[in-house]
Amino acid sequence: MNELIRLARSLRCEPSDPRQAFAHRLRIGLAVAALILVLSLLR
């Protein structure tokens, strides 16, 4: 669990530009969605 928290903190990005922050969150969301899809297909 600590590794997951550390990974989440390293992925966290606080740019001053709202568009850049949105794009970063969108990329992270897509990566998580792809990971969930792959894990569900492996079952």
C-alpha atoms as a PDB file:
ATOM      1  CA  MET A   1       0.000   0.000   0.000  1.00  0.00           C
ATOM      2  CA  ASN A   2       2.846   2.376   0.787  1.00  0.00           C
ATOM      3  CA  GLU A   3       4.251   1.790  -2.686  1.00  0.00           C
ATOM      4  CA  LEU A   4       0.918   2.783  -4.235  1.00  0.00           C
ATOM      5  CA  ILE A   5       0.797   5.975  -2.184  1.00  0.00           C
ATOM      6  CA  ARG A   6       4.374   6.795  -3.182  1.00  0.00           C
ATOM      7  CA  LEU A   7       3.528   6.172  -6.842  1.00  0.00           C
ATOM      8  CA  ALA A   8       0.433   8.387  -6.596  1.00  0.00           C
ATOM      9  CA  ARG A   9       2.482  11.202  -5.075  1.00  0.00           C
ATOM     10  CA  SER A  10       5.094  10.933  -7.819  1.00  0.00           C
ATOM     11  CA  LEU A  11       2.363  11.105 -10.488  1.00  0.00           C
ATOM     12  CA  ARG A  12       0.852  14.163  -8.874  1.00  0.00           C
ATOM     13  CA  CYS A  13       1.457  17.327 -10.826  1.00  0.00           C
ATOM     14  CA  GLU A  14       0.585  20.879  -9.759  1.00  0.00           C
ATOM     15  CA  PRO A  15       1.298  23.119 -12.744  1.00  0.00           C
ATOM     16  CA  SER A  16       0.155  26.727 -12.601  1.00  0.00           C
ATOM     17  CA  ASP A  17      -1.527  26.455 -16.011  1.00  0.00           C
ATOM     18  CA  PRO A  18      -5.037  24.924 -15.665  1.00  0.00           C
ATOM     19  CA  ARG A  19      -4.926  23.492 -19.211  1.00  0.00           C
ATOM     20  CA  GLN A  20      -1.685  21.697 -18.420  1.00  0.00           C
ATOM     21  CA  ALA A  21      -3.153  20.331 -15.183  1.00  0.00           C
ATOM     22  CA  PHE A  22      -6.246  19.086 -17.030  1.00  0.00           C
ATOM     23  CA  ALA A  23      -4.151  17.422 -19.735  1.00  0.00           C
ATOM     24  CA  HIS A  24      -2.019  15.720 -17.079  1.00  0.00           C
ATOM     25  CA  ARG A  25      -5.098  14.425 -15.226  1.00  0.00           C
ATOM     26  CA  LEU A  26      -6.596  13.229 -18.505  1.00  0.00           C
ATOM     27  CA  ARG A  27      -3.432  11.260 -19.366  1.00  0.00           C
ATOM     28  CA  ILE A  28      -3.328   9.687 -15.897  1.00  0.00           C
ATOM     29  CA  GLY A  29      -7.028   8.796 -16.138  1.00  0.00           C
ATOM     30  CA  LEU A  30      -6.572   7.173 -19.525  1.00  0.00           C
ATOM     31  CA  ALA A  31      -3.574   5.217 -18.262  1.00  0.00           C
ATOM     32  CA  VAL A  32      -5.580   3.933 -15.285  1.00  0.00           C
ATOM     33  CA  ALA A  33      -8.530   3.038 -17.533  1.00  0.00           C
ATOM     34  CA  ALA A  34      -6.226   1.138 -19.899  1.00  0.00           C
ATOM     35  CA  LEU A  35      -4.680  -0.724 -16.965  1.00  0.00           C
ATOM     36  CA  ILE A  36      -8.121  -1.723 -15.668  1.00  0.00           C
ATOM     37  CA  LEU A  37      -9.155  -2.867 -19.157  1.00  0.00           C
ATOM     38  CA  VAL A  38      -6.037  -5.006 -19.572  1.00  0.00           C
ATOM     39  CA  LEU A  39      -6.458  -6.551 -16.129  1.00  0.00           C
ATOM     40  CA  SER A  40     -10.106  -7.355 -16.798  1.00  0.00           C
ATOM     41  CA  LEU A  41      -9.249  -8.954 -20.163  1.00  0.00           C
ATOM     42  CA  LEU A  42      -6.613 -11.176 -18.528  1.00  0.00           C
ATOM     43  CA  ARG A  43      -9.189 -12.785 -16.240  1.00  0.00           C
END
